[in-house]
Amino acid sequence: MGIEEIFKREELIFLLDKKSGKVIFDLKSLPKDHERLINSLGKMNFSVNQIEMEGWNHISSKYQIHPVDFSGLWTEKNLLLVDDDAVAITKTPEKLIEFSDHIKNTPVEDIYMNRYIEVSGVISPAGDEYDIKGDMDEEEIKIFNSIIHADDSLSSLIGEMLSLISGFIWSPLRGWFIKGDKHSVLSVFGKWVIIDSGKLSEILKER
């Protein structure tokens, strides 16, 4: 499943074809150099996500996140979606905001009790302190924490750059996710979950 199955056309703000670099739809009429940079950011971030999750699934057979269907990051108002073919900006689904608030405000042991959640974790800003509930050994926890810490930092950087070039406010950034075929990871900066991909799709499509 790609991003075209997630966004509603009437809520679409920006759509760019990655292969051609052409903007298909744009409410803001961004300058060409801004369009190119958004394309480059989208390509880079999606490629990093694919490499991370391919590496994860070489190390562990648990929680199949590779191949990545698409990834995203969001604020209160806007959601950036990237897959193999396109970069899109759309309105943030209310259900995603509600779910991310629930994750942020709920203890990890209570999050883990949700039947759609495979693993829940909390991580310090420096990435050196953590608490995880779920089926992971110490080596898997170390690797996955490194992924979470790196993507928290990368997503924040992308959000800052988008704020400067896109005409949209990407601050405060609420979180990011990587959706795989069977499992997905979602972070709200300091707390994260591995969630059933079907459930994440429901959250993203529900308005």
Protein backbone atom coordinates (compact mmCIF):
# COMPACT_ATOMS: atom_id res chain seq x y z
CA MET A 1 0.00 0.00 0.00
CA GLY A 2 1.28 3.46 -0.93
CA ILE A 3 0.44 6.95 0.24
CA GLU A 4 -2.30 7.40 -2.38
CA GLU A 5 -4.47 5.10 -0.27
CA ILE A 6 -4.00 7.27 2.82
CA PHE A 7 -4.74 10.87 1.88
CA LYS A 8 -8.04 12.27 0.69
CA ARG A 9 -7.80 14.42 -2.45
CA GLU A 10 -9.84 17.22 -0.92
CA GLU A 11 -7.34 17.42 1.97
CA LEU A 12 -4.25 17.34 -0.26
CA ILE A 13 -1.95 20.36 -0.01
CA PHE A 14 1.09 19.27 -2.04
CA LEU A 15 1.97 16.28 -4.25
CA LEU A 16 5.29 15.72 -6.00
CA ASP A 17 6.32 12.84 -8.28
CA LYS A 18 9.76 11.69 -7.08
CA LYS A 19 10.93 10.12 -10.33
CA SER A 20 10.28 13.13 -12.55
CA GLY A 21 10.62 15.75 -9.81
CA LYS A 22 7.43 17.37 -11.10
CA VAL A 23 4.84 18.88 -8.80
CA ILE A 24 1.41 17.40 -9.53
CA PHE A 25 -0.56 19.52 -7.09
CA ASP A 26 0.43 22.55 -5.02
CA LEU A 27 -1.85 24.92 -3.12
CA LYS A 28 1.04 27.20 -2.18
CA SER A 29 2.85 27.57 -5.57
CA LEU A 30 6.30 26.94 -4.11
CA PRO A 31 9.42 28.19 -5.92
CA LYS A 32 11.18 25.56 -8.07
CA ASP A 33 14.24 25.38 -5.84
CA HIS A 34 11.98 24.67 -2.86
CA GLU A 35 10.24 21.90 -4.81
CA ARG A 36 13.62 20.30 -5.58
CA LEU A 37 14.69 20.43 -1.95
CA ILE A 38 11.43 18.86 -0.75
CA ASN A 39 11.97 16.11 -3.34
CA SER A 40 15.54 15.58 -2.11
CA LEU A 41 14.46 15.49 1.54
CA GLY A 42 11.73 12.98 0.73
CA LYS A 43 14.07 10.71 -1.23
CA MET A 44 16.78 10.86 1.42
CA ASN A 45 14.48 10.19 4.36
CA PHE A 46 12.68 7.28 2.67
CA SER A 47 15.99 5.70 1.60
CA VAL A 48 17.34 5.95 5.15
CA ASN A 49 14.17 4.33 6.49
CA GLN A 50 14.48 1.43 4.02
CA ILE A 51 18.13 0.85 4.95
CA GLU A 52 17.39 1.00 8.69
CA MET A 53 14.54 -1.48 8.53
CA GLU A 54 16.35 -3.83 6.15
CA GLY A 55 19.24 -3.85 8.63
CA TRP A 56 16.86 -4.44 11.52
CA ASN A 57 15.28 -7.44 9.83
CA HIS A 58 18.71 -8.90 9.03
CA ILE A 59 19.57 -8.67 12.72
CA SER A 60 16.18 -9.82 14.02
CA SER A 61 13.32 -11.81 12.53
CA LYS A 62 10.90 -10.11 14.91
CA TYR A 63 8.56 -7.37 13.77
CA GLN A 64 8.79 -7.33 9.98
CA ILE A 65 9.01 -3.64 9.01
CA HIS A 66 11.02 -4.09 5.81
CA PRO A 67 10.17 -3.45 3.01
CA VAL A 68 8.88 -0.02 4.03
CA ASP A 69 5.59 0.95 2.37
CA PHE A 70 5.86 4.62 3.28
CA SER A 71 6.97 6.95 6.06
CA GLY A 72 5.64 10.16 7.53
CA LEU A 73 6.03 12.96 10.03
CA TRP A 74 3.38 15.32 11.31
CA THR A 75 2.46 18.47 13.17
CA GLU A 76 -0.92 19.48 14.56
CA LYS A 77 -2.00 20.63 11.08
CA ASN A 78 0.14 18.96 8.41
CA LEU A 79 1.27 15.43 7.59
CA LEU A 80 4.22 14.72 5.28
CA LEU A 81 4.04 11.33 3.52
CA VAL A 82 6.78 9.72 1.42
CA ASP A 83 6.86 6.47 -0.53
CA ASP A 84 8.80 5.13 -3.55
CA ASP A 85 6.84 7.27 -5.98
CA ALA A 86 5.75 10.50 -4.32
CA VAL A 87 6.04 13.12 -1.61
CA ALA A 88 2.72 14.46 -0.31
CA ILE A 89 1.62 17.01 2.27
CA THR A 90 -1.92 16.66 3.57
CA LYS A 91 -3.98 17.59 6.60
CA THR A 92 -3.12 15.60 9.71
CA PRO A 93 -5.86 13.06 10.55
CA GLU A 94 -7.51 13.78 13.89
CA LYS A 95 -7.23 10.10 14.78
CA LEU A 96 -3.42 10.27 14.42
CA ILE A 97 -3.28 13.22 16.80
CA GLU A 98 -5.49 11.39 19.32
CA PHE A 99 -3.42 8.21 19.08
CA SER A 100 -0.08 10.01 19.43
CA ASP A 101 -1.38 11.95 22.44
CA HIS A 102 -2.45 8.64 24.00
CA ILE A 103 1.04 7.20 23.46
CA LYS A 104 2.72 10.30 24.86
CA ASN A 105 0.57 10.45 28.00
CA THR A 106 0.29 6.74 28.85
CA PRO A 107 2.87 4.66 30.80
CA VAL A 108 4.74 2.16 28.61
CA GLU A 109 3.38 -0.82 30.55
CA ASP A 110 -0.20 0.32 29.88
CA ILE A 111 0.51 1.01 26.19
CA TYR A 112 1.90 -2.51 25.88
CA MET A 113 -1.43 -3.95 27.03
CA ASN A 114 -3.08 -2.69 23.81
CA ARG A 115 -3.63 -5.70 21.53
CA TYR A 116 -2.32 -3.80 18.49
CA ILE A 117 0.97 -2.86 20.20
CA GLU A 118 3.86 -5.35 19.99
CA VAL A 119 6.48 -3.27 21.83
CA SER A 120 6.39 0.04 23.71
CA GLY A 121 9.38 2.05 24.84
CA VAL A 122 10.54 5.30 26.37
CA ILE A 123 13.93 6.80 25.54
CA SER A 124 15.86 9.78 26.94
CA PRO A 125 16.87 12.68 24.63
CA ALA A 126 20.47 11.46 24.66
CA GLY A 127 19.36 7.90 23.92
CA ASP A 128 21.26 6.48 26.89
CA GLU A 129 18.33 5.80 29.22
CA TYR A 130 15.33 3.70 28.28
CA ASP A 131 12.55 1.40 29.39
CA ILE A 132 10.99 -1.13 27.02
CA LYS A 133 8.05 -3.52 27.32
CA GLY A 134 7.85 -6.31 24.77
CA ASP A 135 9.69 -9.23 23.25
CA MET A 136 13.23 -7.94 22.61
CA ASP A 137 16.57 -9.13 23.95
CA GLU A 138 19.32 -6.72 25.02
CA GLU A 139 21.04 -6.66 21.61
CA GLU A 140 17.75 -5.98 19.82
CA ILE A 141 16.89 -3.23 22.30
CA LYS A 142 20.28 -1.60 21.74
CA ILE A 143 19.87 -1.59 17.95
CA PHE A 144 16.26 -0.42 17.96
CA ASN A 145 16.98 2.35 20.46
CA SER A 146 19.74 3.55 18.12
CA ILE A 147 17.25 3.67 15.25
CA ILE A 148 14.69 5.57 17.33
CA HIS A 149 17.28 8.06 18.60
CA ALA A 150 18.68 8.67 15.10
CA ASP A 151 15.25 9.12 13.51
CA ASP A 152 14.04 11.41 16.29
CA SER A 153 17.00 13.67 15.47
CA LEU A 154 16.66 13.35 11.67
CA SER A 155 12.91 14.05 11.73
CA SER A 156 13.46 17.15 13.85
CA LEU A 157 16.06 18.39 11.35
CA ILE A 158 13.75 17.74 8.39
CA GLY A 159 10.95 19.56 10.20
CA GLU A 160 13.17 22.60 10.75
CA MET A 161 14.25 22.65 7.11
CA LEU A 162 10.69 22.27 5.85
CA SER A 163 9.60 25.18 8.05
CA LEU A 164 12.22 27.37 6.37
CA ILE A 165 11.49 26.42 2.76
CA SER A 166 7.90 25.23 2.41
CA GLY A 167 5.83 28.06 3.80
CA PHE A 168 4.33 25.64 6.34
CA ILE A 169 5.02 25.60 10.06
CA TRP A 170 6.55 22.23 10.98
CA SER A 171 7.05 23.11 14.62
CA PRO A 172 6.36 21.69 17.05
CA LEU A 173 6.75 18.38 15.28
CA ARG A 174 4.43 15.81 16.88
CA GLY A 175 6.04 12.58 15.69
CA TRP A 176 7.09 10.30 12.85
CA PHE A 177 6.33 6.77 11.66
CA ILE A 178 7.65 4.11 9.32
CA LYS A 179 5.00 1.77 7.93
CA GLY A 180 6.01 -1.73 6.92
CA ASP A 181 3.97 -4.58 5.47
CA LYS A 182 3.24 -6.33 8.77
CA HIS A 183 4.60 -4.04 11.48
CA SER A 184 5.26 -0.33 11.81
CA VAL A 185 7.17 1.91 14.21
CA LEU A 186 5.80 5.21 15.48
CA SER A 187 7.63 7.74 17.67
CA VAL A 188 6.35 10.78 19.54
CA PHE A 189 9.86 11.93 20.56
CA GLY A 190 10.74 10.23 23.81
CA LYS A 191 8.22 7.43 23.51
CA TRP A 192 7.66 4.91 20.73
CA VAL A 193 5.73 1.79 19.76
CA ILE A 194 5.87 -1.07 17.29
CA ILE A 195 2.30 -1.41 16.07
CA ASP A 196 0.35 -3.68 13.74
CA SER A 197 0.50 -2.06 10.27
CA GLY A 198 -3.17 -2.68 9.60
CA LYS A 199 -4.07 -0.70 12.70
CA LEU A 200 -1.77 2.16 11.73
CA SER A 201 -3.41 2.30 8.30
CA GLU A 202 -6.82 2.56 9.98
CA ILE A 203 -5.59 5.45 12.13
CA LEU A 204 -4.17 7.29 9.13
CA LYS A 205 -7.26 6.82 6.95
CA GLU A 206 -9.86 7.66 9.59
CA ARG A 207 -11.05 11.28 9.56
